[in-house]
Protein backbone atom coordinates (compact mmCIF):
# COMPACT_ATOMS: atom_id res chain seq x y z
CA MET A 1 7.24 -24.25 14.89
CA ARG A 2 4.55 -21.59 13.47
CA SER A 3 1.12 -22.55 12.57
CA ALA A 4 -0.61 -22.59 9.30
CA ILE A 5 -2.22 -19.24 10.29
CA LEU A 6 0.12 -17.03 9.64
CA ALA A 7 1.84 -18.95 6.84
CA ALA A 8 -1.18 -18.46 5.05
CA ALA A 9 -1.51 -14.74 6.05
CA SER A 10 2.06 -14.36 4.76
CA CYS A 11 0.61 -15.17 0.81
CA CYS A 12 -2.09 -12.64 1.35
CA LEU A 13 0.08 -9.81 2.33
CA ILE A 14 2.33 -10.54 -0.52
CA ALA A 15 -0.42 -10.27 -2.76
CA TRP A 16 -1.37 -7.25 -1.21
CA CYS A 17 2.03 -5.49 -1.72
CA PRO A 18 2.45 -4.29 -5.49
CA SER A 19 5.56 -2.97 -3.92
CA LEU A 20 7.40 -6.72 -4.25
CA ASN A 21 7.73 -5.64 -8.10
CA ALA A 22 8.29 -2.38 -7.45
CA GLN A 23 11.85 -1.52 -8.31
CA GLN A 24 11.49 -3.81 -11.60
CA ALA A 25 11.95 -1.81 -14.78
CA PRO A 26 9.19 -0.75 -16.94
CA ALA A 27 8.30 -2.92 -19.87
CA PRO A 28 10.51 -1.80 -23.05
CA ASN A 29 8.89 0.89 -24.98
CA ALA A 30 9.10 -0.10 -28.93
CA ALA A 31 9.59 3.57 -30.07
CA SER A 32 12.39 4.39 -27.46
CA THR A 33 16.02 3.77 -28.54
CA GLN A 34 16.66 3.86 -24.70
CA PRO A 35 17.02 0.52 -22.99
CA GLN A 36 14.78 -0.09 -19.99
CA THR A 37 16.42 -1.15 -17.25
CA SER A 38 16.72 -0.59 -13.46
CA GLN A 39 19.24 2.24 -13.85
CA ALA A 40 16.46 4.36 -15.97
CA ARG A 41 14.59 4.35 -12.72
CA THR A 42 15.02 7.22 -9.96
CA ILE A 43 14.69 7.19 -6.09
CA HIS A 44 12.40 9.61 -4.65
CA LEU A 45 13.55 10.88 -1.02
CA ASP A 46 11.60 12.98 1.44
CA VAL A 47 14.01 14.22 3.45
CA LEU A 48 13.52 16.31 6.69
CA VAL A 49 16.50 18.04 8.01
CA LYS A 50 16.38 19.16 12.12
CA ASP A 51 18.36 21.30 13.81
CA LYS A 52 19.73 20.74 17.40
CA ALA A 53 16.27 21.66 19.13
CA GLY A 54 14.88 18.99 16.85
CA MET A 55 12.91 21.62 14.34
CA PRO A 56 12.67 21.64 10.79
CA VAL A 57 15.66 23.55 9.25
CA SER A 58 14.26 25.68 6.03
CA GLY A 59 16.48 27.42 3.33
CA LEU A 60 19.19 24.90 2.61
CA SER A 61 20.48 24.29 -1.13
CA GLN A 62 21.12 21.69 -3.04
CA GLN A 63 24.73 22.10 -2.58
CA ALA A 64 24.42 21.26 1.11
CA PHE A 65 23.27 17.59 0.62
CA THR A 66 25.01 14.72 -0.09
CA VAL A 67 23.15 11.07 -0.82
CA LEU A 68 24.83 8.11 -0.51
CA ASP A 69 23.52 4.78 -2.05
CA ASN A 70 25.24 1.96 -0.42
CA GLY A 71 27.94 4.03 0.49
CA GLN A 72 28.27 5.50 -2.96
CA PRO A 73 27.72 9.47 -3.56
CA GLN A 74 24.89 9.97 -5.93
CA SER A 75 24.05 12.67 -8.50
CA LEU A 76 20.77 14.39 -7.85
CA VAL A 77 18.16 14.46 -10.72
CA SER A 78 15.85 16.98 -8.92
CA PHE A 79 16.11 18.95 -5.72
CA THR A 80 12.99 20.90 -4.47
CA PRO A 81 12.43 22.39 -1.28
CA VAL A 82 8.96 22.16 0.18
CA ALA A 83 7.46 24.59 2.48
CA THR A 84 4.59 23.02 4.32
CA ARG A 85 3.84 26.41 6.18
CA ASN A 86 2.60 27.76 2.81
CA ASP A 87 1.34 24.72 1.31
CA PRO A 88 -0.24 22.62 3.87
CA SER A 89 -1.60 20.10 1.53
CA ALA A 90 1.92 19.44 0.69
CA VAL A 91 1.74 16.75 3.75
CA SER A 92 -1.04 14.83 5.03
CA VAL A 93 -1.52 12.98 8.82
CA LEU A 94 -3.28 9.85 9.26
CA ILE A 95 -3.82 8.76 12.88
CA VAL A 96 -4.31 5.00 13.51
CA MET A 97 -5.79 3.90 16.58
CA ASP A 98 -5.01 0.39 17.62
CA MET A 99 -7.77 -1.55 19.22
CA ILE A 100 -6.77 -4.96 18.93
CA ASN A 101 -2.89 -5.37 20.60
CA PRO A 102 -2.74 -2.92 23.34
CA GLY A 103 -5.31 -3.67 26.66
CA TYR A 104 -8.48 -2.28 27.74
CA ASP A 105 -6.96 0.32 29.79
CA SER A 106 -4.47 1.35 27.26
CA VAL A 107 -6.92 1.69 24.40
CA THR A 108 -9.31 3.39 26.82
CA TRP A 109 -6.61 6.20 27.61
CA GLY A 110 -5.52 6.61 23.91
CA ARG A 111 -8.77 7.18 22.93
CA GLU A 112 -9.40 9.90 25.80
CA GLN A 113 -6.07 11.25 24.64
CA LEU A 114 -6.70 11.60 21.04
CA ASP A 115 -10.26 13.25 22.01
CA GLU A 116 -8.34 15.84 23.62
CA TYR A 117 -5.89 16.41 21.13
CA LEU A 118 -8.42 16.80 18.26
CA ALA A 119 -10.66 19.28 20.76
CA GLN A 120 -7.50 21.52 21.27
CA GLU A 121 -7.47 25.38 19.77
CA ASN A 122 -11.27 24.74 19.00
CA GLY A 123 -10.40 21.65 16.57
CA ALA A 124 -8.37 23.55 13.99
CA LEU A 125 -5.66 21.41 12.64
CA ARG A 126 -2.74 22.47 10.54
CA HIS A 127 -2.59 19.53 8.06
CA ARG A 128 -5.48 17.66 6.60
CA THR A 129 -5.84 14.75 8.68
CA SER A 130 -7.71 11.58 8.81
CA ILE A 131 -8.36 8.91 11.35
CA ALA A 132 -8.22 5.13 11.00
CA ALA A 133 -8.89 2.10 13.79
CA MET A 134 -7.58 -1.40 13.66
CA THR A 135 -10.19 -3.26 15.16
CA GLN A 136 -10.92 -7.19 15.47
CA ASP A 137 -13.52 -7.06 12.82
CA GLY A 138 -10.77 -5.33 10.43
CA LEU A 139 -9.66 -1.95 9.44
CA GLU A 140 -12.01 1.09 10.00
CA MET A 141 -10.87 4.17 8.07
CA MET A 142 -12.64 7.40 7.06
CA SER A 143 -12.75 8.01 3.37
CA GLY A 144 -11.92 11.63 3.41
CA SER A 145 -9.55 13.74 5.51
CA THR A 146 -9.78 17.51 6.83
CA THR A 147 -8.28 20.13 9.16
CA ASP A 148 -11.57 20.43 11.40
CA GLY A 149 -10.95 18.37 14.62
CA LYS A 150 -14.55 18.62 15.65
CA GLN A 151 -15.32 16.84 12.45
CA LEU A 152 -12.37 14.15 12.89
CA LEU A 153 -13.81 13.36 16.54
CA ALA A 154 -17.55 12.87 15.33
CA GLU A 155 -15.93 10.33 12.44
CA PHE A 156 -13.91 8.61 14.72
CA GLN A 157 -16.72 7.93 17.44
CA LYS A 158 -18.88 6.12 14.47
CA PHE A 159 -16.17 3.67 14.27
CA ALA A 160 -16.44 0.23 15.58
CA THR A 161 -15.57 0.38 19.54
CA ASP A 162 -15.22 -3.24 20.36
CA LEU A 163 -12.13 -4.01 22.20
CA ARG A 164 -10.05 -7.35 22.01
CA PRO A 165 -12.47 -10.32 22.89
CA VAL A 166 -11.49 -12.08 26.05
CA THR A 167 -12.39 -15.41 23.86
CA GLN A 168 -9.55 -14.63 21.44
CA ARG A 169 -6.92 -17.48 21.27
CA ALA A 170 -4.23 -17.75 24.28
CA GLY A 171 -1.03 -18.56 24.04
CA TRP A 172 1.29 -18.85 20.94
CA GLU A 173 -2.06 -19.05 18.76
CA GLY A 174 -3.19 -16.07 19.94
CA LEU A 175 0.04 -14.13 19.11
CA GLU A 176 0.06 -15.14 15.94
CA GLN A 177 -3.73 -14.14 15.35
CA LEU A 178 -2.62 -10.78 16.57
CA LEU A 179 0.01 -10.45 14.56
CA GLN A 180 -1.67 -11.87 11.39
CA GLN A 181 -4.30 -9.09 11.61
CA SER A 182 -1.95 -6.52 12.52
CA LEU A 183 0.17 -6.77 9.44
CA GLN A 184 -2.93 -7.47 7.31
CA GLN A 185 -4.32 -4.04 8.34
CA PHE A 186 -0.91 -2.46 8.26
CA THR A 187 -0.68 -3.58 4.56
CA GLN A 188 -4.26 -2.12 4.09
CA ILE A 189 -3.03 1.00 5.47
CA LEU A 190 0.03 1.20 3.02
CA ALA A 191 -2.03 0.52 0.15
CA ILE A 192 -4.54 3.21 0.78
CA GLU A 193 -1.39 5.84 1.34
CA GLN A 194 0.32 4.79 -1.84
CA SER A 195 -2.91 6.25 -3.91
CA ARG A 196 -2.60 9.38 -2.24
CA PRO A 197 -0.29 12.24 -3.29
CA GLY A 198 2.53 14.16 -1.17
CA ARG A 199 4.27 12.92 1.79
CA LYS A 200 2.42 11.44 4.56
CA LEU A 201 3.00 11.10 8.47
CA VAL A 202 1.00 7.77 9.63
CA MET A 203 0.99 7.70 13.46
CA PHE A 204 -0.23 4.67 15.03
CA ILE A 205 -0.96 4.75 18.89
CA THR A 206 -0.05 1.53 19.90
CA PRO A 207 2.57 -0.64 21.85
CA GLY A 208 2.91 -2.39 18.64
CA TRP A 209 1.99 -5.85 17.78
CA PRO A 210 3.70 -8.83 18.75
CA MET A 211 7.08 -9.27 17.88
CA LEU A 212 7.43 -13.18 19.26
CA GLY A 213 11.46 -12.89 19.48
CA LEU A 214 11.66 -15.88 21.85
CA TRP A 215 10.38 -17.83 19.25
CA GLY A 216 12.25 -16.53 16.17
CA SER A 217 15.11 -19.11 16.15
CA GLU A 218 12.52 -22.05 16.04
CA GLN A 219 10.95 -20.77 12.54
CA ASP A 220 11.95 -23.27 10.02
CA LEU A 221 13.11 -22.33 6.74
CA HIS A 222 10.43 -21.85 4.45
CA SER A 223 8.58 -19.50 7.36
CA VAL A 224 11.45 -17.40 7.62
CA GLN A 225 11.82 -17.24 3.90
CA GLN A 226 8.02 -16.05 3.84
CA ASP A 227 8.82 -13.32 6.33
CA PHE A 228 11.60 -12.21 4.25
CA ASN A 229 9.28 -11.62 1.12
CA ILE A 230 6.73 -9.78 3.55
CA LEU A 231 9.61 -7.51 4.82
CA VAL A 232 10.78 -6.83 1.25
CA ALA A 233 7.29 -6.06 -0.07
CA MET A 234 6.63 -3.69 2.88
CA THR A 235 9.82 -1.76 3.17
CA ASN A 236 9.31 -1.09 -0.52
CA ALA A 237 5.81 0.05 -0.10
CA ILE A 238 6.59 2.14 2.65
CA HIS A 239 9.11 3.99 0.31
CA ASP A 240 6.74 4.13 -2.42
CA ALA A 241 3.90 5.12 -0.61
CA ARG A 242 6.37 8.05 0.47
CA THR A 243 4.90 7.43 4.03
CA VAL A 244 6.71 8.12 7.28
CA ILE A 245 5.34 5.86 10.31
CA TYR A 246 5.18 6.68 14.06
CA ARG A 247 4.97 4.56 16.93
CA LEU A 248 2.92 6.82 19.97
CA ASP A 249 3.39 4.13 22.72
CA PRO A 250 0.85 4.25 25.42
CA TYR A 251 3.34 3.37 27.73
CA GLU A 252 2.57 3.07 31.64
CA ILE A 253 5.86 4.41 33.44
CA GLY A 254 6.76 1.67 36.26
CA GLY A 255 4.81 -1.30 34.38
CA VAL A 256 6.54 -4.89 34.15
CA HIS A 257 8.33 -4.95 30.51
CA ALA A 258 10.91 -7.34 29.60
CA GLY A 259 12.06 -9.03 26.28
CA PRO A 260 9.36 -8.52 23.61
CA ASN A 261 7.14 -6.40 25.84
CA ASP A 262 9.93 -4.06 26.41
CA PRO A 263 9.02 -0.77 24.57
CA PHE A 264 12.64 -0.62 23.18
CA TYR A 265 13.07 -4.05 22.40
CA TYR A 266 12.79 -3.26 18.58
CA GLU A 267 16.03 -1.58 18.90
CA GLU A 268 17.83 -4.78 18.59
CA PHE A 269 16.47 -5.33 15.33
CA LEU A 270 17.02 -2.12 13.30
CA LYS A 271 20.17 -3.96 11.70
CA PRO A 272 19.12 -4.55 7.60
CA VAL A 273 18.12 -8.03 6.65
CA THR A 274 20.10 -8.95 3.70
CA ASP A 275 19.86 -12.80 4.39
CA PRO A 276 16.43 -14.35 3.59
CA LYS A 277 17.65 -17.06 6.03
CA LYS A 278 17.75 -14.42 9.06
CA ALA A 279 14.24 -12.54 8.34
CA THR A 280 12.86 -13.74 11.73
CA PHE A 281 9.57 -12.32 13.38
CA PRO A 282 11.08 -9.22 15.22
CA TYR A 283 12.18 -7.72 12.11
CA LEU A 284 8.22 -7.16 11.37
CA GLY A 285 7.93 -4.88 14.00
CA LEU A 286 6.20 -1.67 13.80
CA GLY A 287 8.93 0.24 15.85
CA VAL A 288 11.22 -1.60 13.36
CA PHE A 289 9.32 0.04 10.22
CA ALA A 290 9.10 3.35 11.84
CA VAL A 291 12.77 3.89 12.29
CA HIS A 292 13.28 2.88 8.72
CA SER A 293 10.84 4.99 7.32
CA GLY A 294 12.47 8.14 8.54
CA GLY A 295 10.11 8.09 11.43
CA ARG A 296 10.34 7.59 15.12
CA VAL A 297 9.19 5.53 18.15
CA LEU A 298 7.84 8.09 20.75
CA VAL A 299 8.06 6.66 24.20
CA THR A 300 7.30 9.24 26.77
CA GLY A 301 5.01 7.59 29.63
CA HIS A 302 1.26 7.67 28.95
CA ASP A 303 1.25 10.96 26.93
CA ILE A 304 -0.35 10.23 23.61
CA THR A 305 -1.35 14.00 23.23
CA GLY A 306 2.33 15.11 23.88
CA GLU A 307 3.49 12.49 21.55
CA LEU A 308 1.14 13.54 18.71
CA HIS A 309 2.70 17.38 19.03
CA ASN A 310 5.96 15.78 19.02
CA ALA A 311 5.60 13.92 15.96
CA LEU A 312 3.76 16.59 13.87
CA GLN A 313 6.93 18.54 14.46
CA ASP A 314 8.21 16.70 11.50
CA ALA A 315 5.39 18.14 9.14
CA GLY A 316 7.37 21.24 8.54
CA HIS A 317 9.62 21.92 5.82
CA TYR A 318 11.28 19.37 4.02
CA TYR A 319 13.24 18.41 0.51
CA GLU A 320 12.15 16.22 -2.26
CA ILE A 321 15.01 14.63 -3.96
CA THR A 322 15.38 12.33 -6.53
CA TYR A 323 18.77 10.51 -8.15
CA PRO A 324 19.24 7.83 -10.83
CA ALA A 325 18.54 4.11 -9.52
CA PRO A 326 21.84 2.44 -9.37
CA PRO A 327 22.47 -1.23 -10.62
CA ALA A 328 20.31 -3.50 -8.24
CA GLY A 329 23.69 -5.75 -7.80
CA GLY A 330 21.23 -9.03 -7.70
CA PRO A 331 17.71 -10.09 -6.35
CA ASN A 332 16.58 -8.35 -3.20
CA GLN A 333 19.78 -6.52 -2.74
CA TYR A 334 19.35 -4.04 0.15
CA HIS A 335 20.37 -0.51 -0.91
CA ALA A 336 21.42 1.60 2.41
CA ILE A 337 20.43 5.34 2.28
CA GLU A 338 22.26 8.03 3.99
CA VAL A 339 21.92 11.82 3.57
CA ARG A 340 24.40 14.23 4.82
CA VAL A 341 24.00 17.91 5.36
CA ASN A 342 26.63 20.32 5.38
CA GLN A 343 24.88 22.43 8.14
CA PRO A 344 26.58 22.86 11.89
CA GLY A 345 24.23 20.72 14.29
CA ALA A 346 21.70 19.70 11.62
CA THR A 347 20.81 15.97 11.08
CA ALA A 348 18.45 14.61 8.32
CA GLN A 349 15.51 12.04 8.61
CA THR A 350 14.64 9.75 5.49
CA ILE A 351 14.16 6.21 4.42
CA SER A 352 16.90 3.90 5.49
CA GLY A 353 16.95 1.93 2.45
CA TYR A 354 15.08 -0.11 0.13
CA TYR A 355 15.40 -3.85 -1.67
CA ALA A 356 16.44 -3.35 -5.47
CA ASP A 357 15.09 -6.24 -8.14
CA PRO A 358 12.94 -7.60 -5.43
CA GLN A 359 11.89 -11.31 -6.06
CA LEU A 360 10.18 -14.06 -4.33
CA VAL A 361 12.44 -16.42 -2.36
CA GLY A 362 10.85 -19.90 -1.11
CA PRO A 363 7.94 -21.78 -2.20
CA GLN A 364 5.77 -18.74 -3.27
CA ALA A 365 8.58 -18.28 -5.97
CA VAL A 366 8.08 -21.58 -7.27
CA ALA A 367 4.32 -21.27 -7.11
CA LYS A 368 4.15 -18.04 -9.01
CA LYS A 369 6.05 -19.87 -11.94
CA HIS A 370 3.47 -22.49 -12.68
């Protein structure tokens, strides 16, 4: 059974995630004759189209796109191609160094690789970039962004550099503590990114936080419902913040990785959760969030600099698309999104879905009413 540590943390995470109510309709306007329902909202998509070589495709017209929401074609409200080469501010980048989940050697190597990346081409970066660090004492994040890699490097060196202390709780409680800290700081990042305009690429240098897959079946009903509330809130927050998540894994080829320690373990939990009773720990994994955000998990074997360059290819030309929100279909109904492109060899990357009419389930729902 889970301890009270993570159970209490879930309440804080839900409170920090305004997106738990993001899909609800605005309050009615007395001066308006139009009913304010969920159908009055629009769903915004940032769609990246790639060719066979994985490079962004530009020059496509609206007629080349078909958007499906729960399998149903949607009529588009707006369609805007965005040329990031002409407008670098259309995309911003946040690089997050995780200093609590990886081991000492991985953190040290990741920092060296980040230093190397920021120093390349005399520090000239194409897109405005900022740096954050997940630390034992909380999230450290620079206040602004810049295209000057040298300035970023200087800022990063000011961040707390304490690594995970050896006195941290061992076993189940220690893993829960890491999961709690990671989810809290991830939620803070989403809240900050939601306040910024445009499309954001958030790149975590980390193997991810504990997925606790071996214990998932031991969670009681209330615990699983709490995880479902967090899952709904974070899924919608990622969409509302127009944030694309990347997990850049400092995986060492030849290491011993099995079960939850396998860098590809997240792939077993990519199916959307539609039943609150099935929202076990692994569905809160960073790799799962990355794929569902339209981002990627990059595991190339001890090459963070290469993974950064690979991920930044996705900062190219993209398309902003909106369509009317379909009827919710009930509280917390998951709406799967698929974008098809009528272009030989082209594929589209965007969010995989959202939860319509999000409502708290479990004890939190009762507490909120009183």
